[in-house]
Structures are given as structure tokens and as C-alpha cells.
Amino acid sequence: MNSIVSRIVGIMLSIFTIVYFGYQAYMMVYDPYATETALVDNYMDQIDIQGIAVKSEQLLDEVSSGIVNYRNTNSKKVLAGAVVASVYANQEDLEVGQTLSQKQEQLDILQAVQEKHDSYANSAQTIMSDTKASQLELVKAIQNNDYSSVYAAQNDFLEDMLKQQIALDSTVDFSSDIQALSQEIETLKQSLSKDPVDITVPAAGYFTNETDGYETILTPESLVNFDDWTTQQLQQYTTQQVAVNPNSTGKVIDSTEWYFVAEFDTDYLSRVEEGQTVTLSFSEGNGFQVKADIDTVLPFEDQETSLVLLKSSNMSDEVVDLRVENASMIFSTSKGIKVSKEALRMVSETEETEEGEETTTTTPGVYVDMGQVVRFRKVDVLFEGEDYVVCAVHSDDGYLQIYDEVILKGDDLYDGKPI
């Protein structure tokens, strides 16, 4: 009998031991009041838009035959009448033409340095400093694989090296080099089967050899009757397949003023006002931002989306190739305390008025862990994201403060509860 009792007691002790240590292990990992630290976060008051850029663009001459050699990189600013490309009869002429361009630039540098030969004698220190700087620029361009800048940096370095030779030795003379290079250039010209045809720009502006077919479809003139536009019309422009002229040699954007026609969620109509200055943020490529003014708002309260016409005078490399894009219209950028939505609480408070009546107010806030005691802190929500809000920073102790430990979850929370 005693042995049976002893066995039962032993089993019960074993079960108790297992339960006890299991509970202790559970309590070590169980966190009934998970928290997060309240930190400052940047936020942007913005809405998403989708639209199309409208610019003043002039197409350049078409080429039905021959090989085009561009002299200018895309998005480069050019003067009216500038030669941006040359059309050669065949590949052999193109190669000769490229060599001619290089030789002519070298000749121009030699002649310019030779003409000012005597002015370099007393400027050795400055010239040597300039030579080191241009050498560094050349090395930097090569290291960054910035091939569009390598050629210009190479010519600058060549010019400084020639100046340095004269500064160090005034007897240096480039007359024979100029004569030899001039003869070489003439020989190359005579080897061309046909003189190249130069392509010039009709107006000053930003040149690019990229065309997309919208140049004649969407123009600033097409926005004169913007009040008659519909969301369906914009969607047609942004989704249609536009034919591109394969013979076009490029275009020049002859005005820094351009427009962006976009649609946005009609729910945000109250936030979009004519005359506002906003920031347009584009995420394509490396992404960029540009200032713009809201010119016209077309509200369609019975539709999901409405239209807005934005106007900007900020032209840049990115804008040159801008067309159909998704973007964000940013109204303001600020800072606040970021809080997870799951931590937000609505706390009701009942107060008695002077007349003896009771009034109930509901205050948004969060519970925080203040030294093992739960405290309620009010929040002033500035911005609402998908799973978080950003709250204003207040100095009042009754509001959430930076570095407070915000309680994300917990049962029966109230101000003053011990943890």
C-alpha cells in the first residue's frame, strides 16, 4: 500500500515539476505587453497621380538614307542653328568623318594655344595647377565610366599640357604640328565619297535624338481647351500605341515651360487647389523631383478619378525624355512621431460641466510603459499610412513623447495600471 502511495506521490511531483518549469519557460518568452520605441520619422503629405508630359517640341529633319553621326549628347542645351548631327553616305565615310572631327578639334586647340604663346611664359605655376586639375577630371571620368565626359576632359587635359610645355620652355613652337595636321585633314576630306549633310536645330533649346510620336499629337496648344478634357481622353493618350517615325533624327525642346496632365483619386479633391505649388516626384530611372504649379483642376465628383493640369518651368535632363509616368504630387514634407496603428486607442472621458451635466469626449492616444506602470498619452495624428500614423511632436507631458515605450497590445489596459 505504501509503495502505491509513494508511486502516486512521485508521479504527481514529476507532473508538477514539468508544469512548473514549462510555465517558467513560457513566461520567459511570453510578452503580454509588446512595445515599440516612439521615434521621429519624416513623412510626406502626397497623393499618387498618373499622367503624361506635354512639351513644346520641334522635330528635326528626316533622313531617308545614309548614316547619322550625332555630335551632341542627349539633353544637351544647344543654340539656334547649331549642328547636332551629320549624315554620311556610307560606313566608310562615317569613320572618316569621325576621325576628321577629332583631328579638327586637335587643330583648333593647337592653333588657340599657339596664338597666345607669349602669354603663358609668366603663368607656369597657375598652368601646372590647371594641368593637374584637368588630369584628375579625366581620371575621374574614366573611373566612373562617364564616357560622355571623357572626350571633353581629354581635350581639356591636352590643352593644359600644351600650355605647360610653353610655360616651361618658351622656345616650344607648334607651327610645324599645325601645318602637318592641316594637311592630314585635307587628305581625309578628299577621301570622302560625298560631303556629309549637316542637321541643325531650328531654335535654341534642349536636344535629344529620342522621339516617341507624341511630339505632334500633344502640344501646349492642345491644352488651350483643357476644360473640355475627360479622364477617358487622358487614358487614351497614356495607353495608346503611338507610331514613331524611324527616319526622324531627333527633336529640340524649345521652351523650359512644360505641363503634366494627370488623373488622381476624386476622394482627394479637397486637397488639390488651383494656384498651389507642389513637388512632382517621379520614380522612373534614378528618380527625380521638380517644382510645379497646379494650373487647372477638373473635378469629376461622379467618377473615381479627376484631372489636374500642372505647369512647371524647371527643365532638366530627366524632363527632356519624360512622357507617360506614374508620379506623386507632394504638398508638404514634415517630421513627426511614427506609431503603429495597432497601438492606437480611443479613450472616452466623462466630465461634469458647470451646469452639472456630464459630457463624454473621445480622445485618440496610446498607452506607454512608464517604469512598469501603464500611462495614457494623447496623440495628434498628422499623417496616416497603410499600417502606421505620424503624430505631431508636443512638449506637453500629456502627449506622446519621443523615446516613449508604446504598448502595441495588451488586455484591460488603463492609465495607472501596474505591469
Protein backbone atom coordinates (compact mmCIF):
# COMPACT_ATOMS: atom_id res chain seq x y z
CA MET A 1 0.00 0.00 0.00
CA ASN A 2 2.75 2.39 1.00
CA SER A 3 4.57 1.64 -2.23
CA ILE A 4 1.46 2.57 -4.26
CA VAL A 5 1.09 5.86 -2.40
CA SER A 6 4.75 6.60 -2.89
CA ARG A 7 4.44 5.96 -6.61
CA ILE A 8 1.39 8.23 -6.88
CA VAL A 9 3.15 10.99 -4.96
CA GLY A 10 6.23 10.57 -7.18
CA ILE A 11 4.14 10.83 -10.34
CA MET A 12 2.35 13.94 -9.05
CA LEU A 13 5.68 15.56 -8.13
CA SER A 14 7.02 14.78 -11.61
CA ILE A 15 3.94 16.32 -13.24
CA PHE A 16 4.19 19.38 -11.01
CA THR A 17 7.88 19.78 -11.82
CA ILE A 18 7.20 19.56 -15.58
CA VAL A 19 4.31 22.04 -15.39
CA TYR A 20 6.28 24.43 -13.20
CA PHE A 21 9.36 24.58 -15.37
CA GLY A 22 7.22 24.66 -18.51
CA TYR A 23 5.36 27.67 -17.11
CA GLN A 24 8.61 29.38 -16.20
CA ALA A 25 9.96 28.80 -19.73
CA TYR A 26 6.70 30.15 -21.20
CA MET A 27 6.85 33.27 -19.04
CA MET A 28 10.41 33.90 -20.21
CA VAL A 29 9.29 34.19 -23.85
CA TYR A 30 5.74 35.46 -23.29
CA ASP A 31 5.41 39.21 -23.55
CA PRO A 32 1.87 40.33 -22.63
CA TYR A 33 2.78 43.94 -23.37
CA ALA A 34 4.82 44.09 -26.54
CA THR A 35 6.19 47.60 -27.06
CA GLU A 36 7.97 49.74 -29.65
CA THR A 37 10.06 52.86 -29.15
CA ALA A 38 8.47 56.08 -30.41
CA LEU A 39 10.91 57.66 -32.87
CA VAL A 40 10.87 60.69 -35.15
CA ASP A 41 10.16 59.93 -38.80
CA ASN A 42 9.93 62.03 -41.96
CA TYR A 43 6.66 61.93 -43.84
CA MET A 44 5.26 63.49 -46.99
CA ASP A 45 1.72 64.69 -47.49
CA GLN A 46 1.22 63.38 -51.01
CA ILE A 47 -1.17 61.70 -53.42
CA ASP A 48 -0.42 59.37 -56.31
CA ILE A 49 -1.10 60.51 -59.86
CA GLN A 50 -0.63 59.13 -63.35
CA GLY A 51 -0.28 61.26 -66.43
CA ILE A 52 1.59 62.49 -69.46
CA ALA A 53 4.10 65.28 -70.07
CA VAL A 54 3.37 67.93 -72.69
CA LYS A 55 6.28 70.00 -74.02
CA SER A 56 7.00 72.42 -76.85
CA GLU A 57 8.95 70.17 -79.24
CA GLN A 58 10.21 70.65 -82.79
CA LEU A 59 11.14 67.61 -84.85
CA LEU A 60 14.39 67.78 -86.82
CA ASP A 61 14.89 66.91 -90.48
CA GLU A 62 14.13 63.38 -91.57
CA VAL A 63 16.78 61.20 -93.16
CA SER A 64 15.66 58.50 -95.57
CA SER A 65 19.15 57.22 -96.40
CA GLY A 66 22.69 57.41 -95.08
CA ILE A 67 24.23 57.00 -91.64
CA VAL A 68 23.64 59.59 -88.92
CA ASN A 69 26.50 60.63 -86.66
CA TYR A 70 25.39 62.69 -83.67
CA ARG A 71 27.71 65.42 -82.47
CA ASN A 72 25.75 66.19 -79.32
CA THR A 73 24.76 64.03 -76.39
CA ASN A 74 21.09 63.83 -75.46
CA SER A 75 19.58 66.51 -73.21
CA LYS A 76 22.34 68.97 -74.08
CA LYS A 77 21.41 72.62 -74.40
CA VAL A 78 22.09 73.97 -77.91
CA LEU A 79 21.87 77.31 -79.68
CA ALA A 80 19.69 78.02 -82.70
CA GLY A 81 21.38 76.85 -85.91
CA ALA A 82 23.79 74.53 -84.09
CA VAL A 83 24.87 71.39 -85.96
CA VAL A 84 23.76 68.41 -83.87
CA ALA A 85 24.37 65.62 -86.39
CA SER A 86 25.87 64.84 -89.78
CA VAL A 87 24.55 62.31 -92.29
CA TYR A 88 27.18 60.29 -94.18
CA ALA A 89 26.69 58.29 -97.38
CA ASN A 90 28.14 55.04 -96.01
CA GLN A 91 30.04 53.44 -93.13
CA GLU A 92 33.46 54.25 -94.61
CA ASP A 93 32.58 57.93 -94.85
CA LEU A 94 31.26 57.87 -91.29
CA GLU A 95 34.57 56.53 -89.96
CA VAL A 96 36.48 59.14 -91.94
CA GLY A 97 34.12 61.83 -90.63
CA GLN A 98 34.65 60.79 -87.01
CA THR A 99 38.42 60.92 -87.50
CA LEU A 100 38.06 64.33 -89.15
CA SER A 101 36.13 65.68 -86.17
CA GLN A 102 38.83 64.52 -83.76
CA LYS A 103 41.64 65.95 -85.90
CA GLN A 104 39.82 69.26 -86.33
CA GLU A 105 39.36 69.62 -82.56
CA GLN A 106 43.07 68.92 -82.04
CA LEU A 107 43.93 71.50 -84.69
CA ASP A 108 41.67 74.09 -83.05
CA ILE A 109 43.40 73.51 -79.70
CA LEU A 110 46.87 73.78 -81.23
CA GLN A 111 46.01 76.99 -83.06
CA ALA A 112 44.43 78.57 -79.97
CA VAL A 113 47.48 77.75 -77.81
CA GLN A 114 49.91 78.93 -80.49
CA GLU A 115 48.13 82.28 -80.86
CA LYS A 116 48.56 83.01 -77.14
CA HIS A 117 52.10 81.58 -76.96
CA ASP A 118 53.70 84.57 -75.30
CA SER A 119 51.03 84.91 -72.56
CA TYR A 120 51.96 81.57 -70.93
CA ALA A 121 55.60 82.35 -70.10
CA ASN A 122 54.86 84.04 -66.76
CA SER A 123 52.00 81.76 -65.68
CA ALA A 124 53.85 78.48 -65.10
CA GLN A 125 52.55 77.90 -61.57
CA THR A 126 48.90 78.53 -62.47
CA ILE A 127 49.12 76.45 -65.65
CA MET A 128 50.72 73.50 -63.84
CA SER A 129 47.93 73.64 -61.25
CA ASP A 130 45.32 73.69 -64.03
CA THR A 131 47.03 70.70 -65.69
CA LYS A 132 46.85 68.64 -62.52
CA ALA A 133 43.17 69.54 -62.11
CA SER A 134 42.27 68.58 -65.69
CA GLN A 135 44.20 65.34 -65.32
CA LEU A 136 42.20 64.47 -62.21
CA GLU A 137 38.95 65.23 -64.05
CA LEU A 138 39.98 62.89 -66.87
CA VAL A 139 40.89 60.10 -64.43
CA LYS A 140 37.61 60.61 -62.55
CA ALA A 141 35.56 60.37 -65.76
CA ILE A 142 37.34 57.15 -66.74
CA GLN A 143 36.91 55.59 -63.29
CA ASN A 144 33.19 56.46 -63.26
CA ASN A 145 32.72 55.08 -66.78
CA ASP A 146 31.37 58.51 -67.71
CA TYR A 147 32.20 58.16 -71.37
CA SER A 148 30.24 61.25 -72.38
CA SER A 149 32.67 63.34 -70.29
CA VAL A 150 35.89 61.50 -71.13
CA TYR A 151 36.34 63.11 -74.54
CA ALA A 152 35.85 66.68 -73.28
CA ALA A 153 38.14 66.02 -70.29
CA GLN A 154 40.75 64.57 -72.65
CA ASN A 155 40.77 67.72 -74.78
CA ASP A 156 40.99 69.96 -71.71
CA PHE A 157 43.97 67.96 -70.47
CA LEU A 158 45.63 68.16 -73.90
CA GLU A 159 45.24 71.94 -73.99
CA ASP A 160 46.69 72.36 -70.50
CA MET A 161 49.62 70.08 -71.35
CA LEU A 162 50.45 72.19 -74.42
CA LYS A 163 50.29 75.36 -72.33
CA GLN A 164 52.55 73.78 -69.73
CA GLN A 165 55.17 72.92 -72.37
CA ILE A 166 55.34 76.56 -73.42
CA ALA A 167 55.41 77.79 -69.81
CA LEU A 168 58.38 75.52 -69.05
CA ASP A 169 60.17 76.19 -72.34
CA SER A 170 59.36 79.40 -74.23
CA THR A 171 61.14 78.13 -77.38
CA VAL A 172 58.45 75.47 -77.92
CA ASP A 173 56.59 76.14 -81.18
CA PHE A 174 53.67 74.21 -82.68
CA SER A 175 53.72 75.72 -86.18
CA SER A 176 55.00 72.55 -87.85
CA ASP A 177 52.44 70.42 -85.97
CA ILE A 178 49.66 72.74 -87.10
CA GLN A 179 50.80 72.53 -90.72
CA ALA A 180 51.06 68.72 -90.65
CA LEU A 181 47.64 68.32 -89.02
CA SER A 182 46.06 70.72 -91.52
CA GLN A 183 47.42 68.68 -94.43
CA GLU A 184 46.15 65.45 -92.83
CA ILE A 185 42.68 66.97 -92.50
CA GLU A 186 42.62 68.00 -96.17
CA THR A 187 43.64 64.49 -97.23
CA LEU A 188 40.85 62.99 -95.14
CA LYS A 189 38.27 65.36 -96.66
CA GLN A 190 39.29 64.35 -100.17
CA SER A 191 38.80 60.68 -99.30
CA LEU A 192 35.09 61.19 -98.60
CA SER A 193 32.84 59.80 -101.35
CA LYS A 194 30.28 62.52 -100.64
CA ASP A 195 30.14 65.56 -98.38
CA PRO A 196 28.05 64.90 -95.27
CA VAL A 197 24.72 66.67 -94.76
CA ASP A 198 24.54 68.62 -91.51
CA ILE A 199 21.43 68.54 -89.32
CA THR A 200 20.82 71.82 -87.49
CA VAL A 201 18.31 72.81 -84.83
CA PRO A 202 15.74 75.49 -85.80
CA ALA A 203 15.65 77.04 -82.32
CA ALA A 204 17.61 77.17 -79.10
CA GLY A 205 16.68 74.55 -76.54
CA TYR A 206 17.40 71.03 -75.35
CA PHE A 207 18.34 68.47 -77.99
CA THR A 208 17.66 64.74 -77.93
CA ASN A 209 17.76 62.13 -80.67
CA GLU A 210 14.92 60.22 -78.96
CA THR A 211 11.40 60.66 -80.35
CA ASP A 212 8.19 58.91 -79.27
CA GLY A 213 5.49 60.06 -81.69
CA TYR A 214 3.71 62.35 -79.21
CA GLU A 215 5.54 65.45 -80.46
CA THR A 216 2.77 66.38 -82.92
CA ILE A 217 -0.13 64.80 -81.01
CA LEU A 218 0.32 66.55 -77.67
CA THR A 219 1.44 70.18 -77.79
CA PRO A 220 0.90 73.17 -75.49
CA GLU A 221 -1.72 74.33 -78.00
CA SER A 222 -3.70 71.14 -77.39
CA LEU A 223 -4.18 72.27 -73.77
CA VAL A 224 -5.94 75.53 -74.66
CA ASN A 225 -9.29 73.74 -74.32
CA PHE A 226 -8.24 71.68 -71.31
CA ASP A 227 -11.59 72.36 -69.63
CA ASP A 228 -13.15 70.03 -72.22
CA TRP A 229 -10.81 67.11 -71.44
CA THR A 230 -12.13 63.88 -69.94
CA THR A 231 -10.44 61.11 -67.97
CA GLN A 232 -11.17 58.79 -70.89
CA GLN A 233 -9.26 61.13 -73.22
CA LEU A 234 -6.21 61.13 -70.93
CA GLN A 235 -6.35 57.34 -70.54
CA GLN A 236 -6.42 57.03 -74.32
CA TYR A 237 -3.26 59.12 -74.60
CA THR A 238 -1.46 57.16 -71.88
CA THR A 239 -2.34 53.71 -73.19
CA GLN A 240 -2.38 54.05 -76.98
CA GLN A 241 0.41 52.78 -79.20
CA VAL A 242 1.92 55.79 -80.95
CA ALA A 243 3.76 55.38 -84.26
CA VAL A 244 7.34 56.62 -84.21
CA ASN A 245 8.95 57.96 -87.39
CA PRO A 246 12.02 55.76 -87.99
CA ASN A 247 13.60 58.44 -90.18
CA SER A 248 13.49 61.18 -87.55
CA THR A 249 16.88 62.49 -86.46
CA GLY A 250 15.61 63.84 -83.15
CA LYS A 251 13.97 66.92 -81.73
CA VAL A 252 14.63 70.11 -79.83
CA ILE A 253 12.57 71.23 -76.84
CA ASP A 254 12.44 74.97 -77.43
CA SER A 255 10.89 76.11 -74.14
CA THR A 256 11.65 75.43 -70.48
CA GLU A 257 7.91 75.64 -69.76
CA TRP A 258 6.10 72.29 -69.82
CA TYR A 259 2.96 70.65 -68.50
CA PHE A 260 1.89 67.42 -66.84
CA VAL A 261 -1.71 66.26 -67.29
CA ALA A 262 -2.68 63.68 -64.69
CA GLU A 263 -5.58 61.88 -63.08
CA PHE A 264 -5.96 61.35 -59.34
CA ASP A 265 -8.44 59.79 -56.92
CA THR A 266 -11.53 62.01 -56.67
CA ASP A 267 -11.57 61.41 -52.89
CA TYR A 268 -8.63 63.84 -52.68
CA LEU A 269 -10.39 66.72 -54.48
CA SER A 270 -10.47 68.90 -51.37
CA ARG A 271 -6.67 68.79 -51.15
CA VAL A 272 -5.98 69.82 -54.76
CA GLU A 273 -6.41 73.54 -55.29
CA GLU A 274 -5.56 75.75 -58.25
CA GLY A 275 -2.58 78.02 -57.61
CA GLN A 276 -0.84 75.60 -55.21
CA THR A 277 2.87 74.98 -55.65
CA VAL A 278 3.68 71.29 -55.24
CA THR A 279 6.59 68.93 -55.81
CA LEU A 280 6.25 66.33 -58.54
CA SER A 281 8.19 63.18 -57.69
CA PHE A 282 8.96 60.69 -60.44
CA SER A 283 10.39 57.28 -59.60
CA GLU A 284 11.47 56.16 -63.08
CA GLY A 285 15.21 55.64 -63.64
CA ASN A 286 17.16 57.24 -60.82
CA GLY A 287 14.09 59.20 -59.78
CA PHE A 288 13.86 62.98 -59.58
CA GLN A 289 11.70 65.78 -58.21
CA VAL A 290 10.63 69.06 -59.74
CA LYS A 291 8.54 72.03 -58.57
CA ALA A 292 5.22 72.66 -60.36
CA ASP A 293 2.10 74.82 -60.01
CA ILE A 294 -1.44 73.47 -60.13
CA ASP A 295 -2.85 75.34 -63.13
CA THR A 296 -6.30 73.77 -63.53
CA VAL A 297 -8.38 71.18 -61.67
CA LEU A 298 -11.18 69.32 -63.45
CA PRO A 299 -13.39 67.75 -60.76
CA PHE A 300 -15.49 64.73 -61.71
CA GLU A 301 -17.33 64.05 -58.45
CA ASP A 302 -19.39 61.28 -60.01
CA GLN A 303 -16.27 59.42 -61.20
CA GLU A 304 -13.46 57.61 -59.42
CA THR A 305 -10.78 59.96 -60.79
CA SER A 306 -10.49 63.64 -61.63
CA LEU A 307 -7.95 65.58 -63.73
CA VAL A 308 -5.29 68.12 -62.86
CA LEU A 309 -3.07 70.24 -65.12
CA LEU A 310 0.33 71.06 -63.63
CA LYS A 311 2.73 73.62 -65.05
CA SER A 312 6.48 73.82 -64.50
CA SER A 313 9.34 75.98 -65.72
CA ASN A 314 12.05 73.63 -64.48
CA MET A 315 13.66 71.88 -67.44
CA SER A 316 16.27 69.19 -66.81
CA ASP A 317 17.87 66.13 -68.39
CA GLU A 318 15.16 63.94 -66.86
CA VAL A 319 12.30 66.11 -68.12
CA VAL A 320 13.62 66.02 -71.69
CA ASP A 321 12.73 62.32 -72.00
CA LEU A 322 9.69 62.43 -69.72
CA ARG A 323 6.35 61.29 -71.15
CA VAL A 324 3.85 58.77 -69.67
CA GLU A 325 4.70 58.38 -66.00
CA ASN A 326 3.40 57.45 -62.57
CA ALA A 327 4.24 60.15 -60.06
CA SER A 328 3.46 61.58 -56.64
CA MET A 329 2.17 65.08 -56.01
CA ILE A 330 3.79 66.20 -52.75
CA PHE A 331 2.10 69.03 -50.83
CA SER A 332 4.44 69.19 -47.85
CA THR A 333 7.22 67.35 -46.08
CA SER A 334 7.47 67.28 -42.31
CA LYS A 335 8.57 65.29 -39.26
CA GLY A 336 6.60 63.55 -36.56
CA ILE A 337 6.49 60.55 -34.24
CA LYS A 338 5.78 57.30 -36.07
CA VAL A 339 3.35 54.91 -34.33
CA SER A 340 1.96 51.56 -35.45
CA LYS A 341 -1.80 51.63 -36.00
CA GLU A 342 -2.30 48.63 -33.72
CA ALA A 343 -1.14 50.77 -30.79
CA LEU A 344 -3.81 53.46 -31.26
CA ARG A 345 -6.64 53.63 -28.75
CA MET A 346 -9.76 55.79 -28.46
CA VAL A 347 -10.31 56.60 -24.78
CA SER A 348 -13.60 58.06 -23.56
CA GLU A 349 -13.55 60.59 -20.74
CA THR A 350 -16.61 61.86 -18.86
CA GLU A 351 -16.52 65.35 -17.37
CA GLU A 352 -19.06 67.39 -15.47
CA THR A 353 -19.87 70.87 -16.78
CA GLU A 354 -20.51 73.94 -14.63
CA GLU A 355 -24.22 73.32 -15.07
CA GLY A 356 -23.82 69.88 -13.53
CA GLU A 357 -24.27 67.99 -16.78
CA GLU A 358 -21.97 65.20 -17.83
CA THR A 359 -20.24 65.28 -21.22
CA THR A 360 -18.26 62.49 -22.80
CA THR A 361 -15.29 63.12 -25.11
CA THR A 362 -13.27 60.59 -27.03
CA THR A 363 -9.53 61.19 -27.23
CA PRO A 364 -7.10 59.36 -29.56
CA GLY A 365 -3.91 58.16 -27.94
CA VAL A 366 -1.64 55.31 -26.99
CA TYR A 367 -0.65 53.51 -23.82
CA VAL A 368 3.01 53.64 -22.85
CA ASP A 369 5.14 51.70 -20.38
CA MET A 370 6.41 54.20 -17.80
CA GLY A 371 8.56 52.24 -15.37
CA GLN A 372 6.25 49.22 -15.07
CA VAL A 373 3.16 51.46 -14.96
CA VAL A 374 0.79 51.99 -17.87
CA ARG A 375 0.20 55.62 -18.81
CA PHE A 376 -2.15 57.04 -21.44
CA ARG A 377 -0.66 59.61 -23.82
CA LYS A 378 -2.70 61.64 -26.31
CA VAL A 379 -1.64 61.82 -29.98
CA ASP A 380 -2.27 64.42 -32.67
CA VAL A 381 -2.31 62.47 -35.94
CA LEU A 382 -0.78 64.36 -38.88
CA PHE A 383 -0.50 61.63 -41.48
CA GLU A 384 -1.92 58.14 -41.93
CA GLY A 385 -0.07 55.39 -43.78
CA GLU A 386 -1.12 51.83 -44.52
CA ASP A 387 -0.13 50.38 -41.14
CA TYR A 388 1.15 53.41 -39.22
CA VAL A 389 0.41 57.03 -38.38
CA VAL A 390 2.69 60.01 -37.87
CA CYS A 391 1.86 62.21 -34.89
CA ALA A 392 2.82 65.79 -34.06
CA VAL A 393 5.62 66.39 -31.56
CA HIS A 394 4.23 68.18 -28.45
CA SER A 395 6.11 69.38 -25.39
CA ASP A 396 3.06 68.81 -23.17
CA ASP A 397 3.57 65.77 -20.91
CA GLY A 398 0.04 64.63 -21.69
CA TYR A 399 1.11 63.84 -25.27
CA LEU A 400 3.28 61.06 -26.64
CA GLN A 401 6.97 61.91 -26.40
CA ILE A 402 9.97 60.73 -28.40
CA TYR A 403 11.53 57.53 -26.97
CA ASP A 404 8.38 56.57 -25.07
CA GLU A 405 7.82 52.80 -25.00
CA VAL A 406 4.49 52.44 -26.81
CA ILE A 407 2.43 49.36 -25.88
CA LEU A 408 1.29 47.60 -29.04
CA LYS A 409 -1.07 45.10 -27.44
CA GLY A 410 -2.34 44.09 -24.05
CA ASP A 411 -5.55 43.21 -22.21
CA ASP A 412 -7.51 45.54 -19.93
CA LEU A 413 -5.18 48.50 -20.36
CA TYR A 414 -5.89 51.67 -18.40
CA ASP A 415 -3.97 54.67 -17.12
CA GLY A 416 -2.09 53.79 -13.95
CA LYS A 417 -2.27 50.02 -14.33
CA PRO A 418 0.80 48.31 -12.84
CA ILE A 419 2.65 45.91 -15.14
